Amino acid sequence: MPTDLPCRGSVRSAADLNNRIRTLMLGAGGYLRPHERAEYEQLVTAWALADAAERRPHPTYAEAA
């Protein structure tokens, strides 16, 4: 299992994670082995969190003050 998966607090874009998911699926020919399935599940979870964070509106400096 890869050790470079994002951990809490790390910043990886949803696009980057999506590319990693696509690469994993293409490399596996669409059929994942158990260790690949575990990596896929971690990547999808990280992608969902990153996607939600990127869609969340960011307050401006004036709004935060």
PDB file of N, CA and C in Angstrom:
ATOM      1  N   MET A   1       0.843  -1.173   0.000  1.00  0.00           N
ATOM      2  CA  MET A   1       0.000   0.000   0.000  1.00  0.00           C
ATOM      3  C   MET A   1       0.889   1.237   0.000  1.00  0.00           C
ATOM      4  N   PRO A   2       0.533   2.242  -0.821  1.00  0.00           N
ATOM      5  CA  PRO A   2       1.394   3.418  -0.903  1.00  0.00           C
ATOM      6  C   PRO A   2       1.435   4.196   0.395  1.00  0.00           C
ATOM      7  N   THR A   3       2.565   4.803   0.620  1.00  0.00           N
ATOM      8  CA  THR A   3       2.716   5.596   1.836  1.00  0.00           C
ATOM      9  C   THR A   3       2.574   7.077   1.566  1.00  0.00           C
ATOM     10  N   ASP A   4       2.380   7.464   0.294  1.00  0.00           N
ATOM     11  CA  ASP A   4       2.296   8.882  -0.023  1.00  0.00           C
ATOM     12  C   ASP A   4       0.862   9.377  -0.140  1.00  0.00           C
ATOM     13  N   LEU A   5      -0.088   8.641   0.403  1.00  0.00           N
ATOM     14  CA  LEU A   5      -1.466   9.108   0.394  1.00  0.00           C
ATOM     15  C   LEU A   5      -1.606  10.283   1.344  1.00  0.00           C
ATOM     16  N   PRO A   6      -2.527  11.180   1.029  1.00  0.00           N
ATOM     17  CA  PRO A   6      -2.660  12.363   1.879  1.00  0.00           C
ATOM     18  C   PRO A   6      -3.106  12.006   3.283  1.00  0.00           C
ATOM     19  N   CYS A   7      -2.552  12.699   4.241  1.00  0.00           N
ATOM     20  CA  CYS A   7      -2.977  12.522   5.617  1.00  0.00           C
ATOM     21  C   CYS A   7      -3.766  13.755   6.019  1.00  0.00           C
ATOM     22  N   ARG A   8      -4.404  13.702   7.155  1.00  0.00           N
ATOM     23  CA  ARG A   8      -5.197  14.841   7.601  1.00  0.00           C
ATOM     24  C   ARG A   8      -4.360  16.102   7.633  1.00  0.00           C
ATOM     25  N   GLY A   9      -4.929  17.163   7.077  1.00  0.00           N
ATOM     26  CA  GLY A   9      -4.255  18.440   7.080  1.00  0.00           C
ATOM     27  C   GLY A   9      -3.372  18.672   5.863  1.00  0.00           C
ATOM     28  N   SER A  10      -3.093  17.621   5.079  1.00  0.00           N
ATOM     29  CA  SER A  10      -2.285  17.841   3.887  1.00  0.00           C
ATOM     30  C   SER A  10      -3.170  18.425   2.796  1.00  0.00           C
ATOM     31  N   VAL A  11      -2.539  19.098   1.852  1.00  0.00           N
ATOM     32  CA  VAL A  11      -3.301  19.756   0.803  1.00  0.00           C
ATOM     33  C   VAL A  11      -3.010  19.071  -0.520  1.00  0.00           C
ATOM     34  N   ARG A  12      -3.999  18.401  -1.044  1.00  0.00           N
ATOM     35  CA  ARG A  12      -3.917  17.796  -2.369  1.00  0.00           C
ATOM     36  C   ARG A  12      -5.177  18.213  -3.084  1.00  0.00           C
ATOM     37  N   SER A  13      -5.046  18.633  -4.303  1.00  0.00           N
ATOM     38  CA  SER A  13      -6.213  19.101  -5.031  1.00  0.00           C
ATOM     39  C   SER A  13      -7.093  17.921  -5.429  1.00  0.00           C
ATOM     40  N   ALA A  14      -8.374  18.218  -5.597  1.00  0.00           N
ATOM     41  CA  ALA A  14      -9.311  17.198  -6.060  1.00  0.00           C
ATOM     42  C   ALA A  14      -8.884  16.704  -7.438  1.00  0.00           C
ATOM     43  N   ALA A  15      -8.388  17.607  -8.273  1.00  0.00           N
ATOM     44  CA  ALA A  15      -7.943  17.221  -9.615  1.00  0.00           C
ATOM     45  C   ALA A  15      -6.762  16.254  -9.547  1.00  0.00           C
ATOM     46  N   ASP A  16      -5.804  16.516  -8.657  1.00  0.00           N
ATOM     47  CA  ASP A  16      -4.656  15.629  -8.495  1.00  0.00           C
ATOM     48  C   ASP A  16      -5.107  14.247  -8.028  1.00  0.00           C
ATOM     49  N   LEU A  17      -5.983  14.230  -7.049  1.00  0.00           N
ATOM     50  CA  LEU A  17      -6.480  12.950  -6.540  1.00  0.00           C
ATOM     51  C   LEU A  17      -7.279  12.216  -7.613  1.00  0.00           C
ATOM     52  N   ASN A  18      -8.067  12.946  -8.395  1.00  0.00           N
ATOM     53  CA  ASN A  18      -8.831  12.334  -9.475  1.00  0.00           C
ATOM     54  C   ASN A  18      -7.892  11.705 -10.501  1.00  0.00           C
ATOM     55  N   ASN A  19      -6.806  12.387 -10.821  1.00  0.00           N
ATOM     56  CA  ASN A  19      -5.822  11.821 -11.747  1.00  0.00           C
ATOM     57  C   ASN A  19      -5.200  10.551 -11.193  1.00  0.00           C
ATOM     58  N   ARG A  20      -4.931  10.528  -9.902  1.00  0.00           N
ATOM     59  CA  ARG A  20      -4.361   9.322  -9.283  1.00  0.00           C
ATOM     60  C   ARG A  20      -5.356   8.163  -9.330  1.00  0.00           C
ATOM     61  N   ILE A  21      -6.641   8.478  -9.122  1.00  0.00           N
ATOM     62  CA  ILE A  21      -7.678   7.443  -9.203  1.00  0.00           C
ATOM     63  C   ILE A  21      -7.738   6.889 -10.623  1.00  0.00           C
ATOM     64  N   ARG A  22      -7.741   7.773 -11.610  1.00  0.00           N
ATOM     65  CA  ARG A  22      -7.782   7.338 -13.017  1.00  0.00           C
ATOM     66  C   ARG A  22      -6.568   6.474 -13.363  1.00  0.00           C
ATOM     67  N   THR A  23      -5.398   6.899 -12.920  1.00  0.00           N
ATOM     68  CA  THR A  23      -4.175   6.142 -13.188  1.00  0.00           C
ATOM     69  C   THR A  23      -4.247   4.754 -12.563  1.00  0.00           C
ATOM     70  N   LEU A  24      -4.729   4.686 -11.344  1.00  0.00           N
ATOM     71  CA  LEU A  24      -4.871   3.397 -10.662  1.00  0.00           C
ATOM     72  C   LEU A  24      -5.813   2.481 -11.437  1.00  0.00           C
ATOM     73  N   MET A  25      -6.968   3.011 -11.850  1.00  0.00           N
ATOM     74  CA  MET A  25      -7.953   2.197 -12.563  1.00  0.00           C
ATOM     75  C   MET A  25      -7.431   1.752 -13.929  1.00  0.00           C
ATOM     76  N   LEU A  26      -6.784   2.660 -14.642  1.00  0.00           N
ATOM     77  CA  LEU A  26      -6.241   2.296 -15.957  1.00  0.00           C
ATOM     78  C   LEU A  26      -5.142   1.251 -15.826  1.00  0.00           C
ATOM     79  N   GLY A  27      -4.282   1.417 -14.835  1.00  0.00           N
ATOM     80  CA  GLY A  27      -3.202   0.464 -14.621  1.00  0.00           C
ATOM     81  C   GLY A  27      -3.702  -0.916 -14.225  1.00  0.00           C
ATOM     82  N   ALA A  28      -4.842  -0.948 -13.561  1.00  0.00           N
ATOM     83  CA  ALA A  28      -5.410  -2.221 -13.112  1.00  0.00           C
ATOM     84  C   ALA A  28      -6.337  -2.825 -14.159  1.00  0.00           C
ATOM     85  N   GLY A  29      -6.531  -2.122 -15.257  1.00  0.00           N
ATOM     86  CA  GLY A  29      -7.426  -2.642 -16.291  1.00  0.00           C
ATOM     87  C   GLY A  29      -8.878  -2.662 -15.853  1.00  0.00           C
ATOM     88  N   GLY A  30      -9.216  -1.860 -14.862  1.00  0.00           N
ATOM     89  CA  GLY A  30     -10.594  -1.781 -14.393  1.00  0.00           C
ATOM     90  C   GLY A  30     -10.952  -2.797 -13.317  1.00  0.00           C
ATOM     91  N   TYR A  31     -10.046  -3.729 -13.033  1.00  0.00           N
ATOM     92  CA  TYR A  31     -10.290  -4.747 -12.011  1.00  0.00           C
ATOM     93  C   TYR A  31      -9.244  -4.607 -10.916  1.00  0.00           C
ATOM     94  N   LEU A  32      -9.679  -4.230  -9.737  1.00  0.00           N
ATOM     95  CA  LEU A  32      -8.752  -3.958  -8.644  1.00  0.00           C
ATOM     96  C   LEU A  32      -8.507  -5.187  -7.780  1.00  0.00           C
ATOM     97  N   ARG A  33      -7.237  -5.409  -7.457  1.00  0.00           N
ATOM     98  CA  ARG A  33      -6.871  -6.438  -6.477  1.00  0.00           C
ATOM     99  C   ARG A  33      -7.147  -5.862  -5.094  1.00  0.00           C
ATOM    100  N   PRO A  34      -7.154  -6.709  -4.057  1.00  0.00           N
ATOM    101  CA  PRO A  34      -7.478  -6.205  -2.712  1.00  0.00           C
ATOM    102  C   PRO A  34      -6.625  -5.016  -2.269  1.00  0.00           C
ATOM    103  N   HIS A  35      -5.313  -5.039  -2.503  1.00  0.00           N
ATOM    104  CA  HIS A  35      -4.479  -3.907  -2.081  1.00  0.00           C
ATOM    105  C   HIS A  35      -4.780  -2.664  -2.923  1.00  0.00           C
ATOM    106  N   GLU A  36      -5.134  -2.868  -4.190  1.00  0.00           N
ATOM    107  CA  GLU A  36      -5.505  -1.733  -5.037  1.00  0.00           C
ATOM    108  C   GLU A  36      -6.859  -1.171  -4.621  1.00  0.00           C
ATOM    109  N   ARG A  37      -7.753  -2.050  -4.207  1.00  0.00           N
ATOM    110  CA  ARG A  37      -9.076  -1.614  -3.744  1.00  0.00           C
ATOM    111  C   ARG A  37      -8.929  -0.731  -2.507  1.00  0.00           C
ATOM    112  N   ALA A  38      -8.049  -1.111  -1.595  1.00  0.00           N
ATOM    113  CA  ALA A  38      -7.821  -0.308  -0.386  1.00  0.00           C
ATOM    114  C   ALA A  38      -7.277   1.070  -0.760  1.00  0.00           C
ATOM    115  N   GLU A  39      -6.327   1.114  -1.694  1.00  0.00           N
ATOM    116  CA  GLU A  39      -5.780   2.399  -2.141  1.00  0.00           C
ATOM    117  C   GLU A  39      -6.871   3.233  -2.812  1.00  0.00           C
ATOM    118  N   TYR A  40      -7.675   2.588  -3.650  1.00  0.00           N
ATOM    119  CA  TYR A  40      -8.771   3.275  -4.337  1.00  0.00           C
ATOM    120  C   TYR A  40      -9.730   3.909  -3.333  1.00  0.00           C
ATOM    121  N   GLU A  41     -10.103   3.155  -2.313  1.00  0.00           N
ATOM    122  CA  GLU A  41     -11.036   3.672  -1.305  1.00  0.00           C
ATOM    123  C   GLU A  41     -10.447   4.874  -0.570  1.00  0.00           C
ATOM    124  N   GLN A  42      -9.158   4.822  -0.252  1.00  0.00           N
ATOM    125  CA  GLN A  42      -8.507   5.958   0.410  1.00  0.00           C
ATOM    126  C   GLN A  42      -8.472   7.175  -0.508  1.00  0.00           C
ATOM    127  N   LEU A  43      -8.156   6.946  -1.768  1.00  0.00           N
ATOM    128  CA  LEU A  43      -8.105   8.053  -2.724  1.00  0.00           C
ATOM    129  C   LEU A  43      -9.477   8.686  -2.929  1.00  0.00           C
ATOM    130  N   VAL A  44     -10.511   7.860  -3.038  1.00  0.00           N
ATOM    131  CA  VAL A  44     -11.860   8.395  -3.243  1.00  0.00           C
ATOM    132  C   VAL A  44     -12.305   9.203  -2.027  1.00  0.00           C
ATOM    133  N   THR A  45     -12.005   8.714  -0.841  1.00  0.00           N
ATOM    134  CA  THR A  45     -12.346   9.461   0.375  1.00  0.00           C
ATOM    135  C   THR A  45     -11.614  10.795   0.405  1.00  0.00           C
ATOM    136  N   ALA A  46     -10.322  10.772   0.102  1.00  0.00           N
ATOM    137  CA  ALA A  46      -9.537  12.012   0.076  1.00  0.00           C
ATOM    138  C   ALA A  46     -10.053  12.953  -1.005  1.00  0.00           C
ATOM    139  N   TRP A  47     -10.440  12.397  -2.171  1.00  0.00           N
ATOM    140  CA  TRP A  47     -10.971  13.225  -3.256  1.00  0.00           C
ATOM    141  C   TRP A  47     -12.266  13.906  -2.820  1.00  0.00           C
ATOM    142  N   ALA A  48     -13.163  13.160  -2.181  1.00  0.00           N
ATOM    143  CA  ALA A  48     -14.441  13.732  -1.744  1.00  0.00           C
ATOM    144  C   ALA A  48     -14.216  14.880  -0.766  1.00  0.00           C
ATOM    145  N   LEU A  49     -13.286  14.715   0.157  1.00  0.00           N
ATOM    146  CA  LEU A  49     -12.975  15.782   1.115  1.00  0.00           C
ATOM    147  C   LEU A  49     -12.364  16.992   0.416  1.00  0.00           C
ATOM    148  N   ALA A  50     -11.438  16.751  -0.503  1.00  0.00           N
ATOM    149  CA  ALA A  50     -10.798  17.853  -1.231  1.00  0.00           C
ATOM    150  C   ALA A  50     -11.807  18.581  -2.106  1.00  0.00           C
ATOM    151  N   ASP A  51     -12.680  17.829  -2.765  1.00  0.00           N
ATOM    152  CA  ASP A  51     -13.692  18.439  -3.626  1.00  0.00           C
ATOM    153  C   ASP A  51     -14.629  19.319  -2.810  1.00  0.00           C
ATOM    154  N   ALA A  52     -15.072  18.820  -1.670  1.00  0.00           N
ATOM    155  CA  ALA A  52     -15.962  19.607  -0.808  1.00  0.00           C
ATOM    156  C   ALA A  52     -15.259  20.867  -0.311  1.00  0.00           C
ATOM    157  N   ALA A  53     -13.989  20.739   0.060  1.00  0.00           N
ATOM    158  CA  ALA A  53     -13.237  21.896   0.551  1.00  0.00           C
ATOM    159  C   ALA A  53     -13.049  22.938  -0.546  1.00  0.00           C
ATOM    160  N   GLU A  54     -12.828  22.482  -1.772  1.00  0.00           N
ATOM    161  CA  GLU A  54     -12.630  23.411  -2.882  1.00  0.00           C
ATOM    162  C   GLU A  54     -13.924  24.120  -3.266  1.00  0.00           C
ATOM    163  N   ARG A  55     -15.055  23.486  -3.030  1.00  0.00           N
ATOM    164  CA  ARG A  55     -16.351  24.092  -3.359  1.00  0.00           C
ATOM    165  C   ARG A  55     -16.834  25.046  -2.269  1.00  0.00           C
ATOM    166  N   ARG A  56     -16.320  24.878  -1.059  1.00  0.00           N
ATOM    167  CA  ARG A  56     -16.728  25.714   0.064  1.00  0.00           C
ATOM    168  C   ARG A  56     -16.247  27.134  -0.177  1.00  0.00           C
ATOM    169  N   PRO A  57     -17.143  28.121  -0.016  1.00  0.00           N
ATOM    170  CA  PRO A  57     -16.703  29.508  -0.225  1.00  0.00           C
ATOM    171  C   PRO A  57     -15.684  29.917   0.830  1.00  0.00           C
ATOM    172  N   HIS A  58     -14.691  30.637   0.394  1.00  0.00           N
ATOM    173  CA  HIS A  58     -13.647  31.123   1.289  1.00  0.00           C
ATOM    174  C   HIS A  58     -13.956  32.565   1.655  1.00  0.00           C
ATOM    175  N   PRO A  59     -13.991  32.887   2.944  1.00  0.00           N
ATOM    176  CA  PRO A  59     -14.283  34.271   3.340  1.00  0.00           C
ATOM    177  C   PRO A  59     -13.144  35.202   2.927  1.00  0.00           C
ATOM    178  N   THR A  60     -13.519  36.410   2.616  1.00  0.00           N
ATOM    179  CA  THR A  60     -12.497  37.412   2.316  1.00  0.00           C
ATOM    180  C   THR A  60     -11.913  37.902   3.631  1.00  0.00           C
ATOM    181  N   TYR A  61     -10.834  38.647   3.552  1.00  0.00           N
ATOM    182  CA  TYR A  61     -10.201  39.173   4.760  1.00  0.00           C
ATOM    183  C   TYR A  61     -11.184  40.038   5.543  1.00  0.00           C
ATOM    184  N   ALA A  62     -11.952  40.859   4.853  1.00  0.00           N
ATOM    185  CA  ALA A  62     -12.908  41.752   5.519  1.00  0.00           C
ATOM    186  C   ALA A  62     -14.002  40.955   6.218  1.00  0.00           C
ATOM    187  N   GLU A  63     -14.451  39.863   5.603  1.00  0.00           N
ATOM    188  CA  GLU A  63     -15.498  39.042   6.212  1.00  0.00           C
ATOM    189  C   GLU A  63     -14.979  38.311   7.441  1.00  0.00           C
ATOM    190  N   ALA A  64     -13.726  37.924   7.427  1.00  0.00           N
ATOM    191  CA  ALA A  64     -13.154  37.170   8.540  1.00  0.00           C
ATOM    192  C   ALA A  64     -12.869  38.063   9.744  1.00  0.00           C
ATOM    193  N   ALA A  65     -12.696  39.350   9.522  1.00  0.00           N
ATOM    194  CA  ALA A  65     -12.339  40.273  10.615  1.00  0.00           C
ATOM    195  C   ALA A  65     -13.521  40.653  11.470  1.00  0.00           C
TER     196      ALA A  65
END
